[in-house]
C-alpha atoms as a PDB file:
ATOM      1  CA  UNK A   1       0.012  -0.004  -0.009  1.00  0.00           C
ATOM      2  CA  UNK A   2       1.456   3.405  -0.933  1.00  0.00           C
ATOM      3  CA  UNK A   3       2.396   5.822   1.735  1.00  0.00           C
ATOM      4  CA  UNK A   4       0.365   8.624   0.140  1.00  0.00           C
ATOM      5  CA  UNK A   5      -2.814   8.561  -1.881  1.00  0.00           C
ATOM      6  CA  UNK A   6      -5.263  10.715  -3.808  1.00  0.00           C
ATOM      7  CA  UNK A   7      -8.038  12.338  -1.752  1.00  0.00           C
ATOM      8  CA  UNK A   8     -10.594   9.513  -1.317  1.00  0.00           C
ATOM      9  CA  UNK A   9     -13.528  11.917  -1.773  1.00  0.00           C
ATOM     10  CA  UNK A  10     -12.504  12.351  -5.363  1.00  0.00           C
ATOM     11  CA  UNK A  11     -13.341   8.609  -6.040  1.00  0.00           C
ATOM     12  CA  UNK A  12     -17.044   9.707  -5.922  1.00  0.00           C
ATOM     13  CA  UNK A  13     -16.638  11.560  -9.146  1.00  0.00           C
ATOM     14  CA  UNK A  14     -13.512  10.000 -10.762  1.00  0.00           C
ATOM     15  CA  UNK A  15     -12.858   6.527  -9.303  1.00  0.00           C
ATOM     16  CA  UNK A  16     -10.670   5.356 -12.118  1.00  0.00           C
ATOM     17  CA  UNK A  17      -8.429   8.566 -11.764  1.00  0.00           C
ATOM     18  CA  UNK A  18      -8.051   7.886  -8.004  1.00  0.00           C
ATOM     19  CA  UNK A  19      -7.343   4.110  -8.614  1.00  0.00           C
ATOM     20  CA  UNK A  20      -4.608   4.921 -11.207  1.00  0.00           C
ATOM     21  CA  UNK A  21      -3.140   7.699  -9.010  1.00  0.00           C
ATOM     22  CA  UNK A  22      -2.927   5.330  -6.086  1.00  0.00           C
ATOM     23  CA  UNK A  23      -1.814   2.183  -7.897  1.00  0.00           C
ATOM     24  CA  UNK A  24       0.422   3.580 -10.695  1.00  0.00           C
ATOM     25  CA  UNK A  25       1.722   6.986  -9.542  1.00  0.00           C
ATOM     26  CA  UNK A  26       1.982   6.480  -5.781  1.00  0.00           C
ATOM     27  CA  UNK A  27       2.287   2.628  -5.838  1.00  0.00           C
ATOM     28  CA  UNK A  28       4.622   2.017  -8.786  1.00  0.00           C
ATOM     29  CA  UNK A  29       6.330   5.201  -9.819  1.00  0.00           C
ATOM     30  CA  UNK A  30       7.013   6.508  -6.330  1.00  0.00           C
ATOM     31  CA  UNK A  31       8.148   3.087  -5.238  1.00  0.00           C
ATOM     32  CA  UNK A  32      10.826   2.616  -7.899  1.00  0.00           C
ATOM     33  CA  UNK A  33      14.266   2.021  -6.589  1.00  0.00           C
ATOM     34  CA  UNK A  34      16.183   4.611  -8.796  1.00  0.00           C
ATOM     35  CA  UNK A  35      15.454   7.605  -6.561  1.00  0.00           C
ATOM     36  CA  UNK A  36      14.643   7.801  -2.824  1.00  0.00           C
ATOM     37  CA  UNK A  37      11.239   9.156  -1.746  1.00  0.00           C
ATOM     38  CA  UNK A  38      13.112  12.211  -0.537  1.00  0.00           C
ATOM     39  CA  UNK A  39      14.696  12.876  -3.894  1.00  0.00           C
ATOM     40  CA  UNK A  40      11.383  12.223  -5.694  1.00  0.00           C
ATOM     41  CA  UNK A  41       9.797  14.750  -3.443  1.00  0.00           C
ATOM     42  CA  UNK A  42      12.526  17.430  -4.234  1.00  0.00           C
ATOM     43  CA  UNK A  43      11.913  16.853  -7.935  1.00  0.00           C
ATOM     44  CA  UNK A  44       8.193  16.889  -7.678  1.00  0.00           C
ATOM     45  CA  UNK A  45       8.080  20.101  -5.615  1.00  0.00           C
ATOM     46  CA  UNK A  46      10.561  21.811  -7.972  1.00  0.00           C
ATOM     47  CA  UNK A  47       8.489  20.939 -11.021  1.00  0.00           C
ATOM     48  CA  UNK A  48       5.161  21.953  -9.440  1.00  0.00           C
ATOM     49  CA  UNK A  49       6.640  25.311  -8.310  1.00  0.00           C
ATOM     50  CA  UNK A  50       8.205  25.871 -11.747  1.00  0.00           C
ATOM     51  CA  UNK A  51       4.975  25.098 -13.605  1.00  0.00           C
ATOM     52  CA  UNK A  52       2.903  27.196 -11.094  1.00  0.00           C
ATOM     53  CA  UNK A  53       0.792  24.260 -10.104  1.00  0.00           C
ATOM     54  CA  UNK A  54      -0.197  25.623  -6.696  1.00  0.00           C
ATOM     55  CA  UNK A  55      -3.171  23.365  -6.141  1.00  0.00           C
ATOM     56  CA  UNK A  56      -0.968  20.268  -6.087  1.00  0.00           C
ATOM     57  CA  UNK A  57       2.089  21.966  -4.670  1.00  0.00           C
ATOM     58  CA  UNK A  58       0.695  22.181  -1.093  1.00  0.00           C
ATOM     59  CA  UNK A  59      -0.022  18.480  -0.892  1.00  0.00           C
ATOM     60  CA  UNK A  60       3.494  17.722  -2.237  1.00  0.00           C
ATOM     61  CA  UNK A  61       5.259  20.097   0.142  1.00  0.00           C
ATOM     62  CA  UNK A  62       3.692  18.108   2.917  1.00  0.00           C
ATOM     63  CA  UNK A  63       4.823  14.912   1.378  1.00  0.00           C
ATOM     64  CA  UNK A  64       8.287  16.323   1.027  1.00  0.00           C
ATOM     65  CA  UNK A  65       8.367  17.085   4.703  1.00  0.00           C
ATOM     66  CA  UNK A  66       7.102  13.589   5.456  1.00  0.00           C
ATOM     67  CA  UNK A  67       9.878  12.152   3.201  1.00  0.00           C
ATOM     68  CA  UNK A  68      12.600  13.828   5.176  1.00  0.00           C
ATOM     69  CA  UNK A  69      13.196  17.156   3.541  1.00  0.00           C
ATOM     70  CA  UNK A  70      13.403  20.048   5.999  1.00  0.00           C
ATOM     71  CA  UNK A  71      11.588  23.411   5.675  1.00  0.00           C
ATOM     72  CA  UNK A  72      15.102  24.914   5.379  1.00  0.00           C
ATOM     73  CA  UNK A  73      15.961  22.645   2.395  1.00  0.00           C
ATOM     74  CA  UNK A  74      12.699  23.279   0.675  1.00  0.00           C
ATOM     75  CA  UNK A  75      13.040  27.011   1.220  1.00  0.00           C
ATOM     76  CA  UNK A  76      16.558  26.933  -0.241  1.00  0.00           C
ATOM     77  CA  UNK A  77      15.352  24.874  -3.338  1.00  0.00           C
ATOM     78  CA  UNK A  78      12.432  27.382  -3.859  1.00  0.00           C
ATOM     79  CA  UNK A  79      14.856  30.338  -3.507  1.00  0.00           C
ATOM     80  CA  UNK A  80      17.132  28.744  -6.116  1.00  0.00           C
ATOM     81  CA  UNK A  81      14.152  28.186  -8.483  1.00  0.00           C
ATOM     82  CA  UNK A  82      13.209  31.844  -8.359  1.00  0.00           C
ATOM     83  CA  UNK A  83      16.061  32.642 -10.811  1.00  0.00           C
ATOM     84  CA  UNK A  84      15.154  29.785 -13.228  1.00  0.00           C
ATOM     85  CA  UNK A  85      11.332  29.528 -12.816  1.00  0.00           C
ATOM     86  CA  UNK A  86      10.272  33.060 -12.051  1.00  0.00           C
ATOM     87  CA  UNK A  87       9.769  35.278  -9.125  1.00  0.00           C
ATOM     88  CA  UNK A  88       6.002  34.879  -8.839  1.00  0.00           C
ATOM     89  CA  UNK A  89       6.281  31.082  -8.914  1.00  0.00           C
ATOM     90  CA  UNK A  90       8.857  31.110  -6.131  1.00  0.00           C
ATOM     91  CA  UNK A  91       6.863  33.626  -4.009  1.00  0.00           C
ATOM     92  CA  UNK A  92       3.712  31.500  -4.344  1.00  0.00           C
ATOM     93  CA  UNK A  93       5.596  28.370  -3.433  1.00  0.00           C
ATOM     94  CA  UNK A  94       7.234  29.901  -0.410  1.00  0.00           C
ATOM     95  CA  UNK A  95       3.902  31.284   0.816  1.00  0.00           C
ATOM     96  CA  UNK A  96       2.511  27.759   0.669  1.00  0.00           C
ATOM     97  CA  UNK A  97       5.557  26.326   2.375  1.00  0.00           C
ATOM     98  CA  UNK A  98       5.154  28.942   5.203  1.00  0.00           C
ATOM     99  CA  UNK A  99       1.570  27.941   5.789  1.00  0.00           C
ATOM    100  CA  UNK A 100       2.419  24.293   5.927  1.00  0.00           C
ATOM    101  CA  UNK A 101       5.373  24.851   8.277  1.00  0.00           C
ATOM    102  CA  UNK A 102       3.208  27.006  10.598  1.00  0.00           C
ATOM    103  CA  UNK A 103       0.486  24.388  10.586  1.00  0.00           C
ATOM    104  CA  UNK A 104       3.077  21.635  11.480  1.00  0.00           C
ATOM    105  CA  UNK A 105       4.917  23.811  14.006  1.00  0.00           C
ATOM    106  CA  UNK A 106       8.088  23.365  11.865  1.00  0.00           C
END
């Protein structure tokens, strides 16, 4: 069973999407041995911040913390991305990280 999963309430409207997300994405892709979950989280957060995918970014910032990245490491990655992905993307990402860190008391 994957450590993370799609929100179960989405299965009411898109059961196959939730099934594929859980089995293929979180079960197979995230479980592959080529990268650690920590490294996969860093890549995922970086891509979501770069592409300005704020709705998914918050969830994956939480997953990144669960997978061993620190708030400081995520902050540093987002700061680095500002010069490559754009200032607004980085400011949005850092705002989300702040909210999650505050919620978790990190």
